Amino acid sequence: MRIALLADIHANLEALDACLAHAAAQGAGRLVFLGDLVGYGANPVEVTARVRELAAGGAIVLRGNHDEAALTGPHNFSKLAAAAIRWTSTQLTPDARDFLAGLPISHEEEDRLYVHSEGSDPERWIYVTDATAARVSLEATEARLTFCGHTHSPALFGLTATEKLVAHRPAPDLMLPLLQPRRWLAVMGAVGQPRDGNPAACYGLLDTGASECAWMRVPYDIATAAQKIRAAGLPEFLAERLFTGT
């Protein structure tokens, strides 16, 4: 089976639609949303409604820190992120709020753990930006494969049978083997707000039969997404950064 792994959509409807169409063309038979449906972008209601429909059809959907903040208020957020989440909170419908409030923090199936931040303490929203944080997450769970988002930048970490931690920077659109007995933590990048210098939307494609994963890059209508941010009165930088992927 091929599974599409979508993290950090951040209310970017154009990026979400582009990734869903691309994943369907790649033969993805299942969808997993790794949190942060809202925040930063201008379409929180539309994105939440779209994902809610997909969840009704069997998609796995997790809660991210921005999803939580939209309901409880921004805590330890940057000024830009806090401004966006306060605006988001005013836009959400009762149905959207109920959906976000009911999302789980993580999901396990077979040899896989899905989570927004990492596996050791998911509700602390720890960022996996280096080998040290990856090791903490991997050693806290028995899952062979951990898939997460949160950092907005693709990364892959492997823990060998001899406890050596190896870090990789995945190349776009290239299937990488997730071989045993090594255990893996894959950070899937961001659908709606990439920060690795590549403005194309990013999602993961996992082939469970071959035990391979790719980080797919998908061009989308950035100009429309940015114009919506400006029209909503959100900070200008949130529009500008979409063009640079930073």
C-alpha atoms as a PDB file:
ATOM      1  CA  MET A   1       0.000   0.000   0.000  1.00  0.00           C
ATOM      2  CA  ARG A   2       1.061   3.556  -0.648  1.00  0.00           C
ATOM      3  CA  ILE A   3       0.278   6.046   2.120  1.00  0.00           C
ATOM      4  CA  ALA A   4       0.415   9.832   1.678  1.00  0.00           C
ATOM      5  CA  LEU A   5       1.744  11.611   4.777  1.00  0.00           C
ATOM      6  CA  LEU A   6       0.720  15.266   4.938  1.00  0.00           C
ATOM      7  CA  ALA A   7       2.005  17.569   7.684  1.00  0.00           C
ATOM      8  CA  ASP A   8       1.690  21.287   8.398  1.00  0.00           C
ATOM      9  CA  ILE A   9      -0.953  22.301   5.882  1.00  0.00           C
ATOM     10  CA  HIS A  10      -1.460  25.569   7.780  1.00  0.00           C
ATOM     11  CA  ALA A  11      -4.690  26.607   6.102  1.00  0.00           C
ATOM     12  CA  ASN A  12      -3.092  26.637   2.633  1.00  0.00           C
ATOM     13  CA  LEU A  13      -5.903  25.271   0.493  1.00  0.00           C
ATOM     14  CA  GLU A  14      -4.015  25.583  -2.789  1.00  0.00           C
ATOM     15  CA  ALA A  15      -1.090  23.523  -1.490  1.00  0.00           C
ATOM     16  CA  LEU A  16      -3.410  20.910   0.032  1.00  0.00           C
ATOM     17  CA  ASP A  17      -5.389  20.428  -3.174  1.00  0.00           C
ATOM     18  CA  ALA A  18      -2.190  20.127  -5.220  1.00  0.00           C
ATOM     19  CA  CYS A  19      -0.753  17.491  -2.875  1.00  0.00           C
ATOM     20  CA  LEU A  20      -3.969  15.484  -2.737  1.00  0.00           C
ATOM     21  CA  ALA A  21      -4.150  15.388  -6.532  1.00  0.00           C
ATOM     22  CA  HIS A  22      -0.476  14.428  -6.773  1.00  0.00           C
ATOM     23  CA  ALA A  23      -0.850  11.678  -4.156  1.00  0.00           C
ATOM     24  CA  ALA A  24      -3.829  10.218  -5.993  1.00  0.00           C
ATOM     25  CA  ALA A  25      -1.802  10.141  -9.212  1.00  0.00           C
ATOM     26  CA  GLN A  26       0.968   8.297  -7.345  1.00  0.00           C
ATOM     27  CA  GLY A  27      -1.472   5.595  -6.284  1.00  0.00           C
ATOM     28  CA  ALA A  28      -1.798   6.551  -2.618  1.00  0.00           C
ATOM     29  CA  GLY A  29      -4.526   4.397  -1.107  1.00  0.00           C
ATOM     30  CA  ARG A  30      -4.524   6.014   2.304  1.00  0.00           C
ATOM     31  CA  LEU A  31      -4.052   9.477   3.778  1.00  0.00           C
ATOM     32  CA  VAL A  32      -2.439  10.416   7.086  1.00  0.00           C
ATOM     33  CA  PHE A  33      -2.535  14.025   8.269  1.00  0.00           C
ATOM     34  CA  LEU A  34       0.221  14.713  10.799  1.00  0.00           C
ATOM     35  CA  GLY A  35      -1.236  17.829  12.380  1.00  0.00           C
ATOM     36  CA  ASP A  36      -1.349  21.614  12.009  1.00  0.00           C
ATOM     37  CA  LEU A  37      -4.269  21.889   9.634  1.00  0.00           C
ATOM     38  CA  VAL A  38      -4.621  25.575  10.559  1.00  0.00           C
ATOM     39  CA  GLY A  39      -2.495  28.601  11.400  1.00  0.00           C
ATOM     40  CA  TYR A  40      -0.600  31.061   9.141  1.00  0.00           C
ATOM     41  CA  GLY A  41      -2.791  30.626   6.046  1.00  0.00           C
ATOM     42  CA  ALA A  42      -6.101  32.150   5.029  1.00  0.00           C
ATOM     43  CA  ASN A  43      -8.358  29.103   4.566  1.00  0.00           C
ATOM     44  CA  PRO A  44      -8.697  27.407   7.964  1.00  0.00           C
ATOM     45  CA  VAL A  45     -12.409  26.664   7.538  1.00  0.00           C
ATOM     46  CA  GLU A  46     -12.042  25.259   4.027  1.00  0.00           C
ATOM     47  CA  VAL A  47      -8.997  23.137   4.884  1.00  0.00           C
ATOM     48  CA  THR A  48     -10.611  21.781   8.034  1.00  0.00           C
ATOM     49  CA  ALA A  49     -13.793  20.917   6.136  1.00  0.00           C
ATOM     50  CA  ARG A  50     -11.819  19.161   3.384  1.00  0.00           C
ATOM     51  CA  VAL A  51      -9.825  17.088   5.861  1.00  0.00           C
ATOM     52  CA  ARG A  52     -12.940  16.312   7.911  1.00  0.00           C
ATOM     53  CA  GLU A  53     -14.540  14.820   4.792  1.00  0.00           C
ATOM     54  CA  LEU A  54     -11.438  12.722   4.169  1.00  0.00           C
ATOM     55  CA  ALA A  55     -11.430  11.569   7.796  1.00  0.00           C
ATOM     56  CA  ALA A  56     -15.001  10.362   7.350  1.00  0.00           C
ATOM     57  CA  GLY A  57     -13.675   8.224   4.500  1.00  0.00           C
ATOM     58  CA  GLY A  58     -10.948   6.659   6.623  1.00  0.00           C
ATOM     59  CA  ALA A  59      -8.065   9.137   6.673  1.00  0.00           C
ATOM     60  CA  ILE A  60      -6.045   9.393   9.888  1.00  0.00           C
ATOM     61  CA  VAL A  61      -5.926  12.956  11.236  1.00  0.00           C
ATOM     62  CA  LEU A  62      -3.795  14.112  14.178  1.00  0.00           C
ATOM     63  CA  ARG A  63      -3.695  17.271  16.260  1.00  0.00           C
ATOM     64  CA  GLY A  64      -0.856  19.754  15.952  1.00  0.00           C
ATOM     65  CA  ASN A  65       0.163  22.621  18.200  1.00  0.00           C
ATOM     66  CA  HIS A  66      -1.491  25.224  15.937  1.00  0.00           C
ATOM     67  CA  ASP A  67      -4.721  23.211  15.890  1.00  0.00           C
ATOM     68  CA  GLU A  68      -4.661  23.200  19.680  1.00  0.00           C
ATOM     69  CA  ALA A  69      -3.768  26.879  19.907  1.00  0.00           C
ATOM     70  CA  ALA A  70      -6.695  27.817  17.684  1.00  0.00           C
ATOM     71  CA  LEU A  71      -8.932  26.475  20.448  1.00  0.00           C
ATOM     72  CA  THR A  72      -7.013  27.441  23.589  1.00  0.00           C
ATOM     73  CA  GLY A  73      -4.952  30.467  22.547  1.00  0.00           C
ATOM     74  CA  PRO A  74      -1.293  30.847  21.511  1.00  0.00           C
ATOM     75  CA  HIS A  75       1.272  29.939  24.165  1.00  0.00           C
ATOM     76  CA  ASN A  76       4.995  30.294  23.493  1.00  0.00           C
ATOM     77  CA  PHE A  77       4.255  31.325  19.909  1.00  0.00           C
ATOM     78  CA  SER A  78       6.201  33.904  17.919  1.00  0.00           C
ATOM     79  CA  LYS A  79       4.525  37.253  17.323  1.00  0.00           C
ATOM     80  CA  LEU A  80       3.631  36.316  13.740  1.00  0.00           C
ATOM     81  CA  ALA A  81       2.317  32.884  14.663  1.00  0.00           C
ATOM     82  CA  ALA A  82       0.270  34.314  17.543  1.00  0.00           C
ATOM     83  CA  ALA A  83      -1.305  36.961  15.305  1.00  0.00           C
ATOM     84  CA  ALA A  84      -2.244  34.331  12.737  1.00  0.00           C
ATOM     85  CA  ILE A  85      -3.698  31.946  15.292  1.00  0.00           C
ATOM     86  CA  ARG A  86      -5.787  34.675  16.928  1.00  0.00           C
ATOM     87  CA  TRP A  87      -7.230  35.516  13.507  1.00  0.00           C
ATOM     88  CA  THR A  88      -7.785  31.811  12.815  1.00  0.00           C
ATOM     89  CA  SER A  89      -9.708  31.433  16.052  1.00  0.00           C
ATOM     90  CA  THR A  90     -12.183  34.118  14.942  1.00  0.00           C
ATOM     91  CA  GLN A  91     -12.792  32.314  11.642  1.00  0.00           C
ATOM     92  CA  LEU A  92     -13.457  28.758  12.774  1.00  0.00           C
ATOM     93  CA  THR A  93     -17.010  27.464  12.627  1.00  0.00           C
ATOM     94  CA  PRO A  94     -18.468  25.376  15.473  1.00  0.00           C
ATOM     95  CA  ASP A  95     -18.065  22.263  13.296  1.00  0.00           C
ATOM     96  CA  ALA A  96     -14.406  23.061  12.665  1.00  0.00           C
ATOM     97  CA  ARG A  97     -13.785  23.624  16.365  1.00  0.00           C
ATOM     98  CA  ASP A  98     -15.444  20.366  17.301  1.00  0.00           C
ATOM     99  CA  PHE A  99     -13.384  18.509  14.705  1.00  0.00           C
ATOM    100  CA  LEU A 100     -10.075  19.986  15.872  1.00  0.00           C
ATOM    101  CA  ALA A 101     -10.948  19.392  19.528  1.00  0.00           C
ATOM    102  CA  GLY A 102     -11.552  15.706  18.888  1.00  0.00           C
ATOM    103  CA  LEU A 103      -8.281  14.961  17.098  1.00  0.00           C
ATOM    104  CA  PRO A 104      -5.857  12.520  18.757  1.00  0.00           C
ATOM    105  CA  ILE A 105      -2.267  13.444  19.525  1.00  0.00           C
ATOM    106  CA  SER A 106      -0.792  10.302  17.944  1.00  0.00           C
ATOM    107  CA  HIS A 107      -1.737   7.070  16.209  1.00  0.00           C
ATOM    108  CA  GLU A 108      -0.015   3.691  16.061  1.00  0.00           C
ATOM    109  CA  GLU A 109      -0.567   0.891  13.568  1.00  0.00           C
ATOM    110  CA  GLU A 110       1.560  -2.143  12.731  1.00  0.00           C
ATOM    111  CA  ASP A 111       5.186  -0.989  13.052  1.00  0.00           C
ATOM    112  CA  ARG A 112       4.411   2.711  12.567  1.00  0.00           C
ATOM    113  CA  LEU A 113       3.891   5.690  14.882  1.00  0.00           C
ATOM    114  CA  TYR A 114       2.281   8.837  13.503  1.00  0.00           C
ATOM    115  CA  VAL A 115       2.654  12.036  15.547  1.00  0.00           C
ATOM    116  CA  HIS A 116       2.918  15.768  14.914  1.00  0.00           C
ATOM    117  CA  SER A 117       6.064  16.569  16.901  1.00  0.00           C
ATOM    118  CA  GLU A 118       7.920  13.448  18.126  1.00  0.00           C
ATOM    119  CA  GLY A 119       7.446  10.254  20.111  1.00  0.00           C
ATOM    120  CA  SER A 120       8.887  10.857  23.580  1.00  0.00           C
ATOM    121  CA  ASP A 121       6.389  13.469  24.804  1.00  0.00           C
ATOM    122  CA  PRO A 122       4.085  14.505  21.944  1.00  0.00           C
ATOM    123  CA  GLU A 123       2.161  17.147  23.884  1.00  0.00           C
ATOM    124  CA  ARG A 124       5.330  19.137  24.635  1.00  0.00           C
ATOM    125  CA  TRP A 125       5.659  19.901  20.903  1.00  0.00           C
ATOM    126  CA  ILE A 126       9.405  19.233  20.778  1.00  0.00           C
ATOM    127  CA  TYR A 127      11.128  19.975  17.464  1.00  0.00           C
ATOM    128  CA  VAL A 128      13.244  17.212  15.915  1.00  0.00           C
ATOM    129  CA  THR A 129      15.965  19.338  14.328  1.00  0.00           C
ATOM    130  CA  ASP A 130      19.022  17.219  15.075  1.00  0.00           C
ATOM    131  CA  ALA A 131      20.242  13.718  15.870  1.00  0.00           C
ATOM    132  CA  THR A 132      19.966  14.241  19.630  1.00  0.00           C
ATOM    133  CA  ALA A 133      16.237  14.976  19.493  1.00  0.00           C
ATOM    134  CA  ALA A 134      15.711  12.145  17.014  1.00  0.00           C
ATOM    135  CA  ARG A 135      17.421   9.666  19.336  1.00  0.00           C
ATOM    136  CA  VAL A 136      15.259  10.741  22.284  1.00  0.00           C
ATOM    137  CA  SER A 137      12.127  10.156  20.230  1.00  0.00           C
ATOM    138  CA  LEU A 138      13.255   6.802  18.818  1.00  0.00           C
ATOM    139  CA  GLU A 139      14.342   5.447  22.194  1.00  0.00           C
ATOM    140  CA  ALA A 140      10.989   6.408  23.761  1.00  0.00           C
ATOM    141  CA  THR A 141       8.886   4.190  21.499  1.00  0.00           C
ATOM    142  CA  GLU A 142       8.937   0.623  20.212  1.00  0.00           C
ATOM    143  CA  ALA A 143       7.731   1.631  16.749  1.00  0.00           C
ATOM    144  CA  ARG A 144      10.145   0.782  13.953  1.00  0.00           C
ATOM    145  CA  LEU A 145       9.007   3.781  11.910  1.00  0.00           C
ATOM    146  CA  THR A 146       8.043   7.194  13.293  1.00  0.00           C
ATOM    147  CA  PHE A 147       6.547   9.825  10.999  1.00  0.00           C
ATOM    148  CA  CYS A 148       6.153  13.427  12.131  1.00  0.00           C
ATOM    149  CA  GLY A 149       6.062  17.042  10.968  1.00  0.00           C
ATOM    150  CA  HIS A 150       6.355  20.234  13.038  1.00  0.00           C
ATOM    151  CA  THR A 151       9.745  21.500  11.806  1.00  0.00           C
ATOM    152  CA  HIS A 152       8.594  22.284   8.228  1.00  0.00           C
ATOM    153  CA  SER A 153      11.849  20.837   6.877  1.00  0.00           C
ATOM    154  CA  PRO A 154      12.371  17.295   5.523  1.00  0.00           C
ATOM    155  CA  ALA A 155      14.745  15.038   7.442  1.00  0.00           C
ATOM    156  CA  LEU A 156      15.418  11.353   8.020  1.00  0.00           C
ATOM    157  CA  PHE A 157      17.180   9.754  10.977  1.00  0.00           C
ATOM    158  CA  GLY A 158      18.121   6.086  11.312  1.00  0.00           C
ATOM    159  CA  LEU A 159      19.071   4.254  14.497  1.00  0.00           C
ATOM    160  CA  THR A 160      21.165   1.147  13.815  1.00  0.00           C
ATOM    161  CA  ALA A 161      21.244  -2.115  15.749  1.00  0.00           C
ATOM    162  CA  THR A 162      24.485  -0.892  17.338  1.00  0.00           C
ATOM    163  CA  GLU A 163      22.765   2.332  18.498  1.00  0.00           C
ATOM    164  CA  LYS A 164      24.487   4.541  15.941  1.00  0.00           C
ATOM    165  CA  LEU A 165      22.322   7.469  14.831  1.00  0.00           C
ATOM    166  CA  VAL A 166      22.616   8.432  11.155  1.00  0.00           C
ATOM    167  CA  ALA A 167      21.070  11.627   9.725  1.00  0.00           C
ATOM    168  CA  HIS A 168      20.008  12.101   6.088  1.00  0.00           C
ATOM    169  CA  ARG A 169      18.681  15.067   4.108  1.00  0.00           C
ATOM    170  CA  PRO A 170      16.201  13.471   1.702  1.00  0.00           C
ATOM    171  CA  ALA A 171      16.384  14.423  -1.978  1.00  0.00           C
ATOM    172  CA  PRO A 172      13.043  15.403  -3.544  1.00  0.00           C
ATOM    173  CA  ASP A 173      10.930  12.668  -5.146  1.00  0.00           C
ATOM    174  CA  LEU A 174      13.444   9.901  -4.441  1.00  0.00           C
ATOM    175  CA  MET A 175      12.300   6.701  -2.758  1.00  0.00           C
ATOM    176  CA  LEU A 176      14.620   5.812   0.130  1.00  0.00           C
ATOM    177  CA  PRO A 177      14.679   2.316   1.664  1.00  0.00           C
ATOM    178  CA  LEU A 178      13.724   2.075   5.346  1.00  0.00           C
ATOM    179  CA  LEU A 179      15.542  -1.179   5.926  1.00  0.00           C
ATOM    180  CA  GLN A 180      15.515  -3.388   9.008  1.00  0.00           C
ATOM    181  CA  PRO A 181      16.901  -3.805  11.615  1.00  0.00           C
ATOM    182  CA  ARG A 182      17.437  -0.052  11.593  1.00  0.00           C
ATOM    183  CA  ARG A 183      14.670   2.052  13.153  1.00  0.00           C
ATOM    184  CA  TRP A 184      13.691   5.306  11.482  1.00  0.00           C
ATOM    185  CA  LEU A 185      12.266   8.730  12.250  1.00  0.00           C
ATOM    186  CA  ALA A 186      11.077  10.665   9.196  1.00  0.00           C
ATOM    187  CA  VAL A 187      10.217  14.365   9.362  1.00  0.00           C
ATOM    188  CA  MET A 188       7.884  14.946   6.459  1.00  0.00           C
ATOM    189  CA  GLY A 189       8.341  18.663   5.723  1.00  0.00           C
ATOM    190  CA  ALA A 190       5.355  20.971   5.192  1.00  0.00           C
ATOM    191  CA  VAL A 191       2.487  20.993   2.728  1.00  0.00           C
ATOM    192  CA  GLY A 192       1.488  24.598   3.323  1.00  0.00           C
ATOM    193  CA  GLN A 193       4.582  26.441   4.528  1.00  0.00           C
ATOM    194  CA  PRO A 194       7.919  24.828   3.573  1.00  0.00           C
ATOM    195  CA  ARG A 195      11.000  26.246   5.284  1.00  0.00           C
ATOM    196  CA  ASP A 196      13.845  24.378   3.597  1.00  0.00           C
ATOM    197  CA  GLY A 197      14.430  26.885   0.819  1.00  0.00           C
ATOM    198  CA  ASN A 198      12.135  25.101  -1.640  1.00  0.00           C
ATOM    199  CA  PRO A 199       8.717  26.786  -1.971  1.00  0.00           C
ATOM    200  CA  ALA A 200       7.058  23.714  -3.513  1.00  0.00           C
ATOM    201  CA  ALA A 201       4.626  21.920  -1.227  1.00  0.00           C
ATOM    202  CA  CYS A 202       6.079  18.825   0.434  1.00  0.00           C
ATOM    203  CA  TYR A 203       4.396  15.600   1.495  1.00  0.00           C
ATOM    204  CA  GLY A 204       5.578  12.061   2.179  1.00  0.00           C
ATOM    205  CA  LEU A 205       4.787   8.938   0.198  1.00  0.00           C
ATOM    206  CA  LEU A 206       5.296   5.671   2.055  1.00  0.00           C
ATOM    207  CA  ASP A 207       5.268   2.323   0.252  1.00  0.00           C
ATOM    208  CA  THR A 208       4.605  -0.198   3.011  1.00  0.00           C
ATOM    209  CA  GLY A 209       5.237  -3.217   0.796  1.00  0.00           C
ATOM    210  CA  ALA A 210       8.690  -2.096  -0.299  1.00  0.00           C
ATOM    211  CA  SER A 211       9.384  -0.255   2.996  1.00  0.00           C
ATOM    212  CA  GLU A 212      10.388   2.876   1.102  1.00  0.00           C
ATOM    213  CA  CYS A 213       9.553   6.539   1.613  1.00  0.00           C
ATOM    214  CA  ALA A 214       9.844   9.606  -0.608  1.00  0.00           C
ATOM    215  CA  TRP A 215       9.515  13.324   0.063  1.00  0.00           C
ATOM    216  CA  MET A 216       7.430  14.557  -2.870  1.00  0.00           C
ATOM    217  CA  ARG A 217       7.654  18.197  -3.983  1.00  0.00           C
ATOM    218  CA  VAL A 218       4.582  19.636  -5.659  1.00  0.00           C
ATOM    219  CA  PRO A 219       4.311  23.077  -7.309  1.00  0.00           C
ATOM    220  CA  TYR A 220       1.084  24.924  -6.504  1.00  0.00           C
ATOM    221  CA  ASP A 221      -0.571  28.312  -6.991  1.00  0.00           C
ATOM    222  CA  ILE A 222       1.498  30.299  -4.477  1.00  0.00           C
ATOM    223  CA  ALA A 223       0.290  33.655  -5.814  1.00  0.00           C
ATOM    224  CA  THR A 224      -3.328  32.854  -4.962  1.00  0.00           C
ATOM    225  CA  ALA A 225      -2.467  31.547  -1.497  1.00  0.00           C
ATOM    226  CA  ALA A 226      -0.405  34.665  -0.798  1.00  0.00           C
ATOM    227  CA  GLN A 227      -3.099  37.019  -2.079  1.00  0.00           C
ATOM    228  CA  LYS A 228      -5.629  35.407   0.248  1.00  0.00           C
ATOM    229  CA  ILE A 229      -3.290  36.015   3.202  1.00  0.00           C
ATOM    230  CA  ARG A 230      -2.991  39.691   2.266  1.00  0.00           C
ATOM    231  CA  ALA A 231      -6.744  40.045   1.730  1.00  0.00           C
ATOM    232  CA  ALA A 232      -7.366  38.577   5.191  1.00  0.00           C
ATOM    233  CA  GLY A 233      -5.169  41.258   6.761  1.00  0.00           C
ATOM    234  CA  LEU A 234      -2.653  38.751   8.076  1.00  0.00           C
ATOM    235  CA  PRO A 235       1.025  39.784   8.415  1.00  0.00           C
ATOM    236  CA  GLU A 236       2.683  40.426   5.048  1.00  0.00           C
ATOM    237  CA  PHE A 237       5.620  38.179   5.841  1.00  0.00           C
ATOM    238  CA  LEU A 238       3.308  35.167   5.941  1.00  0.00           C
ATOM    239  CA  ALA A 239       2.543  35.825   2.271  1.00  0.00           C
ATOM    240  CA  GLU A 240       6.108  36.645   1.258  1.00  0.00           C
ATOM    241  CA  ARG A 241       7.661  33.538   2.760  1.00  0.00           C
ATOM    242  CA  LEU A 242       5.557  31.243   0.597  1.00  0.00           C
ATOM    243  CA  PHE A 243       7.511  32.371  -2.467  1.00  0.00           C
ATOM    244  CA  THR A 244      10.898  31.567  -0.929  1.00  0.00           C
ATOM    245  CA  GLY A 245      10.160  28.517   1.214  1.00  0.00           C
ATOM    246  CA  THR A 246      11.813  30.070   4.265  1.00  0.00           C
END
